[in-house]
Each structure stands twice: as structure tokens, then as C-alpha cells.
């Protein structure tokens, strides 16, 4: 696997927010979002090629039962990701964070997907694959990262016109829109069964700090 870092922290967002979690960050991404907060995940070639068995040993040594596989775009290394999940087995619960341009296919009882929808301010909305959002399960998560009222309007339209079975979160793009603006939009548009979230790791550590 092309690995940038493996570390223990807390899950900063989503359904496991606040829980201890081991992160496996993989190198490489097929998108270039305007607000990307991990450009080191695809720039500069600063990664280490590590055997999947060694990655599994590192995860076991850390000892957290929750594991998040992220990037970059981890599904660019899907076969290795599946191998890692099978090696670690049922003692772990896996969250695979993917960017909406790749359709998740692998399923197991102990994994769920967090799928980002890239709104207009990302400059990558045209890369979104509808099927990636329509084949999700009730334990999966769809995250709309919003940076403007236009993004919120696009989110509202998408939710209204698609049958999304997963949890739905609205997350403000850092310092581009306030959580208050998002909440007011939700109230004005009666957005039931949608949750606003803040990335709490950015309030605990410096926003540019790695390994957190």
C-alpha cells in the first residue's frame, strides 16, 4: 500500500465523532478540490510503500477498535484496502472515506462508507457519480462540504431529488461559511433528518497539524 501515515486520534466527524480511532491515510487522489485540507495526500510523492500485512500489524499494535481508511482517495487502492480489512477481521469496525467520484462496491458487516458530495465551490462537482450515492446503506454517511449559500442550495436540491438511505451531514468548509448560516438555511428549508457537523479535530489541534 502507498501509505502517508498511520496514527491514533479521535474521529473528528460523522457517526463516530469523538471516539478513539486509528487512521490509515493512503496516498493519491483523482480530484483537486479547491478547499482540500490534505494536499500532501497527492502532492510530492511523500509516501511509503508498506506491505498490507505490516499495515495490519501496526493497526493491531495501536489497539483501537475503530479504523478509518482515508486519503487522498483510498479506493484507488481498493484491492489492498479489502485485503487489509480481511486481515484485521471482525474485531474492528472500518470507515472508508471516499470522494464521490468512485463507486463503492465491497461490502462486509463491519464496514461503512463516508461518501463526500463535492458541491460547486469544490470545482469538482462534475466528477460526482450518482450511483455512488444511491447504492448506500443505512449505516453509511453522505457528507456535503459546503462553502457558500450556492452549495447549500445545491445540497438541498440533491437531497430532495435523490433517495439517499444513508446518514446525511452538512459540514462547513473551514472559514468559508459559518455553522450558523448552515443552521439558518436548514431551518428555512425544513431540512429534516440532516445534521450539521463541525470537524472537532480542527478545534483541538492546529488546522495544519498532521497525524491528528
Protein backbone atom coordinates (compact mmCIF):
# COMPACT_ATOMS: atom_id res chain seq x y z
CA UNK A 1 0.00 0.00 0.00
CA UNK A 2 1.12 3.56 -0.65
CA UNK A 3 0.83 4.95 2.88
CA UNK A 4 1.30 8.52 4.07
CA UNK A 5 0.67 7.97 7.76
CA UNK A 6 -0.90 5.66 10.32
CA UNK A 7 -1.85 7.25 13.62
CA UNK A 8 -4.21 7.20 16.58
CA UNK A 9 -6.54 10.12 17.22
CA UNK A 10 -10.25 10.75 17.61
CA UNK A 11 -12.79 10.54 14.82
CA UNK A 12 -13.37 14.22 14.09
CA UNK A 13 -16.72 13.94 12.32
CA UNK A 14 -19.56 11.64 11.36
CA UNK A 15 -21.39 8.96 13.32
CA UNK A 16 -18.29 8.03 15.37
CA UNK A 17 -17.30 11.60 16.20
CA UNK A 18 -15.26 11.80 19.39
CA UNK A 19 -14.30 8.11 19.60
CA UNK A 20 -10.69 6.94 19.59
CA UNK A 21 -9.80 5.77 16.11
CA UNK A 22 -6.81 4.55 14.10
CA UNK A 23 -6.34 6.35 10.79
CA UNK A 24 -4.68 4.80 7.76
CA UNK A 25 -4.08 7.62 5.28
CA UNK A 26 -3.27 6.42 1.77
CA UNK A 27 -1.52 8.36 -0.98
CA UNK A 28 -3.11 9.50 -4.22
CA UNK A 29 -6.27 11.33 -5.26
CA UNK A 30 -8.06 11.77 -8.57
CA UNK A 31 -9.65 15.10 -7.55
CA UNK A 32 -8.24 18.55 -6.82
CA UNK A 33 -10.84 20.22 -4.61
CA UNK A 34 -10.43 23.94 -4.01
CA UNK A 35 -10.71 23.54 -0.23
CA UNK A 36 -8.61 20.38 0.19
CA UNK A 37 -7.03 20.30 3.65
CA UNK A 38 -4.70 17.37 2.92
CA UNK A 39 -2.81 18.31 -0.28
CA UNK A 40 0.10 16.23 0.98
CA UNK A 41 -2.08 13.20 0.22
CA UNK A 42 -1.45 13.62 -3.50
CA UNK A 43 1.48 16.05 -3.90
CA UNK A 44 5.19 15.49 -3.68
CA UNK A 45 5.24 11.72 -3.60
CA UNK A 46 5.89 11.68 0.15
CA UNK A 47 4.62 8.19 0.93
CA UNK A 48 5.98 4.81 1.96
CA UNK A 49 5.20 1.53 0.24
CA UNK A 50 4.23 -0.84 3.04
CA UNK A 51 3.14 -4.45 2.82
CA UNK A 52 -0.52 -4.87 3.76
CA UNK A 53 0.40 -7.36 6.48
CA UNK A 54 2.71 -4.79 8.06
CA UNK A 55 -0.06 -2.18 7.95
CA UNK A 56 -2.35 -4.66 9.73
CA UNK A 57 0.30 -5.29 12.39
CA UNK A 58 0.64 -1.55 13.01
CA UNK A 59 -3.13 -1.15 13.38
CA UNK A 60 -3.24 -4.06 15.82
CA UNK A 61 -0.38 -2.59 17.85
CA UNK A 62 -2.22 0.73 18.22
CA UNK A 63 -5.17 -1.12 19.67
CA UNK A 64 -8.23 0.97 18.68
CA UNK A 65 -11.28 -0.99 17.56
CA UNK A 66 -12.37 1.79 15.18
CA UNK A 67 -10.35 2.21 11.98
CA UNK A 68 -10.77 4.88 9.31
CA UNK A 69 -9.17 4.37 5.91
CA UNK A 70 -8.81 7.70 4.17
CA UNK A 71 -6.65 9.65 1.76
CA UNK A 72 -6.46 11.09 -0.77
CA UNK A 73 -8.85 8.62 -2.29
CA UNK A 74 -8.41 5.18 -0.68
CA UNK A 75 -10.47 3.34 -3.29
CA UNK A 76 -7.70 3.98 -5.82
CA UNK A 77 -6.05 1.13 -3.86
CA UNK A 78 -9.26 -0.83 -3.38
CA UNK A 79 -7.79 -4.34 -3.61
CA UNK A 80 -5.25 -3.55 -0.89
CA UNK A 81 -7.93 -1.91 1.27
CA UNK A 82 -10.08 -5.05 1.02
CA UNK A 83 -7.09 -7.23 1.84
CA UNK A 84 -6.37 -5.11 4.94
CA UNK A 85 -9.97 -5.35 6.15
CA UNK A 86 -9.96 -9.13 5.72
CA UNK A 87 -6.62 -9.47 7.51
CA UNK A 88 -7.80 -7.47 10.52
CA UNK A 89 -11.14 -9.23 10.67
CA UNK A 90 -14.29 -8.78 12.71
CA UNK A 91 -12.65 -7.27 15.79
CA UNK A 92 -12.54 -3.90 14.00
CA UNK A 93 -15.11 -1.52 12.53
CA UNK A 94 -13.97 0.25 9.36
CA UNK A 95 -14.95 3.62 7.94
CA UNK A 96 -13.81 4.10 4.35
CA UNK A 97 -13.78 7.78 3.38
CA UNK A 98 -14.28 8.24 -0.36
CA UNK A 99 -14.79 11.30 -2.54
CA UNK A 100 -17.93 10.62 -4.57
CA UNK A 101 -16.15 10.02 -7.85
CA UNK A 102 -15.59 6.30 -7.21
CA UNK A 103 -18.44 3.85 -6.68
CA UNK A 104 -18.07 1.74 -3.52
CA UNK A 105 -18.61 -1.95 -4.24
CA UNK A 106 -17.16 -4.05 -1.41
CA UNK A 107 -19.43 -4.83 1.50
CA UNK A 108 -18.97 -6.52 4.85
CA UNK A 109 -20.80 -6.38 8.19
CA UNK A 110 -18.03 -4.36 9.85
CA UNK A 111 -17.52 -1.57 7.30
CA UNK A 112 -19.36 1.57 6.29
CA UNK A 113 -18.60 4.27 3.75
CA UNK A 114 -18.43 8.02 4.20
CA UNK A 115 -19.04 9.48 0.75
CA UNK A 116 -18.39 13.17 0.06
CA UNK A 117 -20.54 15.10 -2.35
CA UNK A 118 -18.41 17.82 -3.92
CA UNK A 119 -20.52 20.98 -4.19
CA UNK A 120 -19.90 23.82 -6.70
CA UNK A 121 -17.22 25.64 -4.66
CA UNK A 122 -15.07 22.49 -4.77
CA UNK A 123 -14.68 22.91 -8.56
CA UNK A 124 -15.11 19.13 -8.86
CA UNK A 125 -18.88 18.63 -8.86
CA UNK A 126 -18.85 17.36 -12.44
CA UNK A 127 -16.81 14.34 -11.28
CA UNK A 128 -19.55 13.11 -8.93
CA UNK A 129 -21.07 9.69 -9.76
CA UNK A 130 -24.77 9.48 -8.86
CA UNK A 131 -24.54 5.73 -8.33
CA UNK A 132 -22.05 6.31 -5.52
CA UNK A 133 -24.84 7.96 -3.51
CA UNK A 134 -27.80 5.79 -4.49
CA UNK A 135 -26.38 2.38 -3.51
CA UNK A 136 -25.56 3.30 0.07
CA UNK A 137 -26.78 1.51 3.19
CA UNK A 138 -28.39 2.98 6.30
CA UNK A 139 -25.10 2.86 8.24
CA UNK A 140 -23.22 4.79 5.56
CA UNK A 141 -22.71 8.55 5.59
CA UNK A 142 -23.08 11.20 2.90
CA UNK A 143 -21.16 14.38 3.69
CA UNK A 144 -21.84 17.64 1.87
CA UNK A 145 -18.93 20.04 2.40
CA UNK A 146 -20.45 23.48 1.85
CA UNK A 147 -18.68 26.79 1.42
CA UNK A 148 -21.45 29.09 0.20
CA UNK A 149 -25.21 29.57 0.01
CA UNK A 150 -24.98 28.21 -3.54
CA UNK A 151 -23.52 25.00 -2.11
CA UNK A 152 -26.36 24.79 0.40
CA UNK A 153 -28.93 25.26 -2.34
CA UNK A 154 -27.29 22.53 -4.42
CA UNK A 155 -27.26 20.24 -1.38
CA UNK A 156 -30.95 20.88 -0.76
CA UNK A 157 -31.80 20.11 -4.40
CA UNK A 158 -29.77 16.91 -4.41
CA UNK A 159 -31.34 15.61 -1.21
CA UNK A 160 -34.85 16.44 -2.45
CA UNK A 161 -34.39 14.67 -5.78
CA UNK A 162 -32.47 11.57 -4.65
CA UNK A 163 -33.43 8.72 -2.35
CA UNK A 164 -30.45 8.70 0.00
CA UNK A 165 -30.67 5.92 2.57
CA UNK A 166 -27.53 6.92 4.48
CA UNK A 167 -26.96 9.45 7.27
CA UNK A 168 -26.66 12.97 5.84
CA UNK A 169 -24.28 15.59 7.24
CA UNK A 170 -23.59 19.19 6.30
CA UNK A 171 -20.06 20.31 7.06
CA UNK A 172 -18.82 23.90 6.66
CA UNK A 173 -15.74 24.38 4.54
CA UNK A 174 -13.26 25.80 7.03
CA UNK A 175 -13.54 29.61 7.35
CA UNK A 176 -15.68 29.93 4.19
CA UNK A 177 -19.15 29.74 5.74
CA UNK A 178 -20.34 29.71 9.33
CA UNK A 179 -22.18 26.89 11.03
CA UNK A 180 -24.83 29.45 11.97
CA UNK A 181 -25.52 30.16 8.29
CA UNK A 182 -25.93 26.45 7.67
CA UNK A 183 -28.33 26.02 10.58
CA UNK A 184 -30.42 29.01 9.44
CA UNK A 185 -30.61 27.53 5.94
CA UNK A 186 -31.69 24.18 7.40
CA UNK A 187 -34.44 25.89 9.40
CA UNK A 188 -35.63 27.99 6.46
CA UNK A 189 -35.85 24.90 4.23
CA UNK A 190 -37.15 22.44 6.84
CA UNK A 191 -34.25 20.05 6.25
CA UNK A 192 -35.33 17.15 8.45
CA UNK A 193 -33.08 14.12 9.03
CA UNK A 194 -30.00 16.17 8.09
CA UNK A 195 -27.28 17.01 10.61
CA UNK A 196 -24.78 19.86 10.74
CA UNK A 197 -21.32 18.88 11.92
CA UNK A 198 -18.10 20.62 12.84
CA UNK A 199 -14.72 18.94 12.41
CA UNK A 200 -13.81 18.86 16.09
CA UNK A 201 -10.19 17.87 15.48
CA UNK A 202 -9.67 21.33 13.96
CA UNK A 203 -10.72 22.86 17.27
CA UNK A 204 -8.42 20.64 19.32
CA UNK A 205 -5.26 20.87 17.20
CA UNK A 206 -3.82 23.40 14.77
CA UNK A 207 -5.62 23.10 11.42
CA UNK A 208 -2.32 22.42 9.62
CA UNK A 209 -1.05 19.78 12.05
CA UNK A 210 -0.63 16.29 10.63
CA UNK A 211 -1.13 12.98 12.36
CA UNK A 212 -4.18 14.16 14.27
